[in-house]
Amino acid sequence: MIPIIDLLVKQYIEDGLERLRTHPDKIQDYFGFASERTINSMVKLITEYNISVITGYPREPSTLPCIVITIGGEDEVSHGIGDGIDMNYPEWEEGRENYLHWSEDGDSKYIRQSAQMRAQVRIEAWTDNSITTSLLYSVIKYCLFSSKWDMRGNGIFIPTVSGGDLEPVPDYMTLFVYRKAAILNFEYELSYHVDNKEIGKEDDHFPLETTIDDIELYWDDYSDYHNEKGEGN
């Protein structure tokens, strides 16, 4: 499976917003060092405005206020000797059996390989008011931190959050827009089938259901060498 990570992060933000809408009375507990007026403004922002969560950049003023999700960058993680992930044979992970004990059950018919990726996703608050943008930025942070266990369940690991400056963006719309970005850095695993190559059917494979007891190991050269040295017994 190759996760579409911007859609995954979009779901985290939408779920977090829904939690706040469902329990607006808890907002004052989630955001500290804020006056009662600020908390009331945040409650109004979350409960009375339709905050769109979109991938890509908005082009119409009607989309504001909104949360914009874009992929900042991605690269494959380089591993040292003996490190990394080996997921060629799913049964090895599921039951810890010998990897030779292949079967045709489930998705193990085809050879599966995996890669570990490092990604950066930008989650930006866009509004036409600098204070509202800052409030929405804090909401984004809540959505990300409260989704920690969901991230772990989706195969995202080592997530960290950083932030950017509040900046005006006058060149996108007729309105004067302010945005502020939270940046989510993380690693994740993807897996894929290798050109529909079937386990146990390739020239360099043992037949299906082969076990270690079915394999004959020949040590003739090794034995002859040690016999000559008088080390065979």
Protein backbone atom coordinates (compact mmCIF):
# COMPACT_ATOMS: atom_id res chain seq x y z
CA MET A 1 0.00 0.00 0.00
CA ILE A 2 1.27 3.46 -0.91
CA PRO A 3 -0.42 6.00 1.38
CA ILE A 4 -1.64 9.25 -0.18
CA ILE A 5 -0.22 11.28 2.66
CA ASP A 6 -1.83 14.66 1.96
CA LEU A 7 -5.27 13.03 2.08
CA LEU A 8 -4.28 11.21 5.27
CA VAL A 9 -3.27 14.48 6.96
CA LYS A 10 -6.45 16.11 5.64
CA GLN A 11 -8.44 13.46 7.51
CA TYR A 12 -6.53 14.19 10.75
CA ILE A 13 -7.41 17.89 10.49
CA GLU A 14 -11.06 17.23 9.68
CA ASP A 15 -11.37 14.77 12.58
CA GLY A 16 -9.77 17.27 14.97
CA LEU A 17 -12.13 20.05 13.89
CA GLU A 18 -15.09 17.74 14.40
CA ARG A 19 -13.92 16.92 17.93
CA LEU A 20 -13.78 20.64 18.76
CA ARG A 21 -17.18 21.31 17.22
CA THR A 22 -18.68 18.43 19.20
CA HIS A 23 -17.16 19.60 22.50
CA PRO A 24 -16.78 23.39 22.32
CA ASP A 25 -16.95 23.55 26.12
CA LYS A 26 -13.51 21.93 26.26
CA ILE A 27 -11.81 24.53 24.09
CA GLN A 28 -10.85 26.62 27.12
CA ASP A 29 -9.05 23.55 28.51
CA TYR A 30 -7.13 22.92 25.28
CA PHE A 31 -5.72 26.41 24.71
CA GLY A 32 -3.82 28.08 27.54
CA PHE A 33 -2.78 31.68 28.29
CA ALA A 34 -5.81 33.03 26.42
CA SER A 35 -8.30 35.59 27.69
CA GLU A 36 -12.00 34.82 27.90
CA ARG A 37 -12.54 37.04 24.87
CA THR A 38 -9.98 35.08 22.86
CA ILE A 39 -11.55 31.76 23.85
CA ASN A 40 -14.98 33.04 22.84
CA SER A 41 -13.56 34.12 19.49
CA MET A 42 -12.08 30.68 18.97
CA VAL A 43 -15.36 28.97 19.86
CA LYS A 44 -17.18 31.21 17.39
CA LEU A 45 -14.59 30.50 14.69
CA ILE A 46 -14.92 26.73 15.09
CA THR A 47 -18.66 26.43 15.60
CA GLU A 48 -20.08 29.16 13.35
CA TYR A 49 -17.76 29.17 10.36
CA ASN A 50 -17.43 26.50 7.73
CA ILE A 51 -13.67 25.93 7.82
CA SER A 52 -12.78 24.16 4.60
CA VAL A 53 -9.87 21.73 4.59
CA ILE A 54 -8.43 21.52 1.09
CA THR A 55 -5.41 20.11 -0.70
CA GLY A 56 -3.79 22.62 -3.02
CA TYR A 57 -4.24 26.37 -2.95
CA PRO A 58 -7.59 28.18 -2.74
CA ARG A 59 -8.48 30.64 -5.48
CA GLU A 60 -11.83 32.08 -4.38
CA PRO A 61 -12.48 34.40 -1.41
CA SER A 62 -15.51 32.25 -0.53
CA THR A 63 -13.17 29.46 0.60
CA LEU A 64 -11.88 31.56 3.52
CA PRO A 65 -11.31 30.77 6.31
CA CYS A 66 -9.65 27.53 5.27
CA ILE A 67 -6.86 25.10 6.06
CA VAL A 68 -4.58 24.31 3.14
CA ILE A 69 -2.56 21.09 2.91
CA THR A 70 0.40 20.67 0.57
CA ILE A 71 3.32 18.25 0.42
CA GLY A 72 6.52 20.15 1.14
CA GLY A 73 8.87 17.36 0.08
CA GLU A 74 9.58 13.64 0.17
CA ASP A 75 12.60 11.40 -0.07
CA GLU A 76 13.42 7.77 0.57
CA VAL A 77 15.23 7.03 3.81
CA SER A 78 18.74 5.66 3.36
CA HIS A 79 19.62 2.77 5.65
CA GLY A 80 22.97 1.48 6.78
CA ILE A 81 24.12 -2.11 6.70
CA GLY A 82 21.75 -4.41 8.57
CA ASP A 83 19.15 -1.66 9.01
CA GLY A 84 15.87 -0.87 7.33
CA ILE A 85 12.80 -2.98 6.67
CA ASP A 86 12.39 -6.34 5.00
CA MET A 87 8.77 -7.04 4.13
CA ASN A 88 9.19 -9.21 1.05
CA TYR A 89 7.24 -12.06 2.63
CA PRO A 90 4.23 -11.02 4.72
CA GLU A 91 4.07 -14.35 6.57
CA TRP A 92 7.41 -13.60 8.20
CA GLU A 93 5.87 -10.60 9.90
CA GLU A 94 2.54 -12.17 10.78
CA GLY A 95 3.57 -15.48 12.30
CA ARG A 96 7.38 -15.22 12.39
CA GLU A 97 7.56 -18.47 10.40
CA ASN A 98 10.59 -19.40 8.37
CA TYR A 99 10.48 -17.22 5.26
CA LEU A 100 10.63 -20.33 3.07
CA HIS A 101 7.20 -21.38 4.28
CA TRP A 102 5.27 -19.53 1.60
CA SER A 103 1.60 -19.98 0.91
CA GLU A 104 -0.94 -18.59 -1.54
CA ASP A 105 -3.25 -17.17 1.11
CA GLY A 106 -4.22 -13.51 1.25
CA ASP A 107 -2.01 -10.95 -0.43
CA SER A 108 1.08 -13.16 -0.31
CA LYS A 109 0.59 -14.51 -3.81
CA TYR A 110 2.84 -11.79 -5.18
CA ILE A 111 6.23 -10.68 -3.96
CA ARG A 112 5.87 -7.57 -1.85
CA GLN A 113 8.62 -5.10 -1.12
CA SER A 114 8.66 -2.04 1.06
CA ALA A 115 10.39 1.30 1.32
CA GLN A 116 10.68 3.77 4.15
CA MET A 117 9.96 7.38 3.25
CA ARG A 118 10.63 10.71 4.92
CA ALA A 119 8.01 13.38 4.20
CA GLN A 120 7.10 16.94 5.03
CA VAL A 121 3.54 18.25 4.85
CA ARG A 122 2.56 21.90 5.23
CA ILE A 123 -0.76 22.63 6.92
CA GLU A 124 -1.53 26.33 6.50
CA ALA A 125 -4.19 28.52 8.10
CA TRP A 126 -5.64 31.03 5.60
CA THR A 127 -7.94 33.90 6.63
CA ASP A 128 -8.35 37.60 5.83
CA ASN A 129 -7.44 38.59 9.39
CA SER A 130 -4.06 38.13 11.03
CA ILE A 131 -5.45 37.38 14.51
CA THR A 132 -7.93 34.84 13.15
CA THR A 133 -5.10 33.19 11.23
CA SER A 134 -3.09 32.83 14.43
CA LEU A 135 -6.08 31.29 16.21
CA LEU A 136 -6.64 28.84 13.38
CA TYR A 137 -2.95 27.94 13.46
CA SER A 138 -3.36 26.90 17.11
CA VAL A 139 -6.36 24.78 16.12
CA ILE A 140 -4.18 23.03 13.50
CA LYS A 141 -1.64 22.16 16.18
CA TYR A 142 -4.38 20.68 18.34
CA CYS A 143 -5.63 18.58 15.41
CA LEU A 144 -2.15 17.20 14.76
CA PHE A 145 -1.16 16.43 18.34
CA SER A 146 -4.53 14.87 19.15
CA SER A 147 -4.11 12.55 16.14
CA LYS A 148 -0.90 10.96 17.41
CA TRP A 149 -2.41 7.50 17.91
CA ASP A 150 -4.17 7.63 14.55
CA MET A 151 -0.83 8.40 12.92
CA ARG A 152 0.76 5.43 14.62
CA GLY A 153 -2.08 3.19 13.44
CA ASN A 154 -1.59 4.41 9.88
CA GLY A 155 2.12 3.51 9.84
CA ILE A 156 3.38 7.06 10.42
CA PHE A 157 6.27 7.23 12.86
CA ILE A 158 8.63 9.83 14.34
CA PRO A 159 6.19 12.69 13.63
CA THR A 160 7.36 16.17 14.68
CA VAL A 161 5.69 19.54 14.28
CA SER A 162 7.28 22.90 13.57
CA GLY A 163 5.85 26.24 12.52
CA GLY A 164 6.35 29.14 10.17
CA ASP A 165 5.88 32.89 10.44
CA LEU A 166 2.63 34.72 9.90
CA GLU A 167 2.84 36.16 6.42
CA PRO A 168 0.61 38.18 4.10
CA VAL A 169 -0.28 36.62 0.75
CA PRO A 170 -1.69 39.43 -1.40
CA ASP A 171 -1.03 37.78 -4.75
CA TYR A 172 -3.58 34.93 -4.58
CA MET A 173 -6.91 36.73 -4.23
CA THR A 174 -8.54 40.15 -4.36
CA LEU A 175 -8.68 39.95 -0.56
CA PHE A 176 -5.57 40.56 1.52
CA VAL A 177 -4.88 37.09 2.92
CA TYR A 178 -2.79 36.10 5.93
CA ARG A 179 -1.42 32.59 6.31
CA LYS A 180 0.59 30.70 8.92
CA ALA A 181 1.92 27.18 8.42
CA ALA A 182 2.40 24.22 10.71
CA ILE A 183 4.90 21.78 9.24
CA LEU A 184 4.53 18.07 9.95
CA ASN A 185 7.69 16.00 9.44
CA PHE A 186 7.47 12.24 9.67
CA GLU A 187 8.55 8.90 8.25
CA TYR A 188 6.27 6.22 6.92
CA GLU A 189 6.37 2.87 5.20
CA LEU A 190 4.99 2.03 1.81
CA SER A 191 4.72 -1.42 0.21
CA TYR A 192 4.09 -2.61 -3.30
CA HIS A 193 3.99 -5.74 -5.43
CA VAL A 194 6.97 -6.27 -7.68
CA ASP A 195 5.73 -6.46 -11.26
CA ASN A 196 3.21 -9.17 -10.27
CA LYS A 197 5.99 -11.68 -9.68
CA GLU A 198 4.50 -14.65 -7.84
CA ILE A 199 6.11 -16.13 -4.76
CA GLY A 200 7.59 -19.54 -5.45
CA LYS A 201 7.06 -19.25 -9.20
CA GLU A 202 10.21 -17.39 -10.23
CA ASP A 203 13.34 -19.19 -11.47
CA ASP A 204 15.33 -18.36 -8.36
CA HIS A 205 12.59 -19.42 -5.91
CA PHE A 206 12.04 -22.61 -4.01
CA PRO A 207 8.61 -24.19 -4.71
CA LEU A 208 5.64 -23.21 -2.57
CA GLU A 209 5.45 -24.80 0.89
CA THR A 210 9.17 -25.56 0.89
CA THR A 211 10.63 -25.90 4.38
CA ILE A 212 14.20 -26.01 5.56
CA ASP A 213 13.95 -29.81 5.86
CA ASP A 214 13.40 -30.09 2.10
CA ILE A 215 16.70 -28.45 1.24
CA GLU A 216 19.86 -30.52 0.82
CA LEU A 217 23.09 -28.75 1.63
CA TYR A 218 26.30 -30.11 0.10
CA TRP A 219 29.51 -29.65 2.00
CA ASP A 220 31.83 -31.77 -0.14
CA ASP A 221 34.43 -29.11 -0.77
CA TYR A 222 34.46 -28.02 2.83
CA SER A 223 34.78 -31.63 4.11
CA ASP A 224 37.55 -32.54 1.65
CA TYR A 225 39.58 -29.50 2.67
CA HIS A 226 39.41 -30.31 6.36
CA ASN A 227 40.04 -34.01 5.81
CA GLU A 228 43.28 -33.13 4.08
CA LYS A 229 44.25 -31.04 7.08
CA GLY A 230 43.36 -33.86 9.44
CA GLU A 231 40.57 -31.83 10.98
CA GLY A 232 37.64 -33.90 9.78
CA ASN A 233 37.23 -35.91 12.99
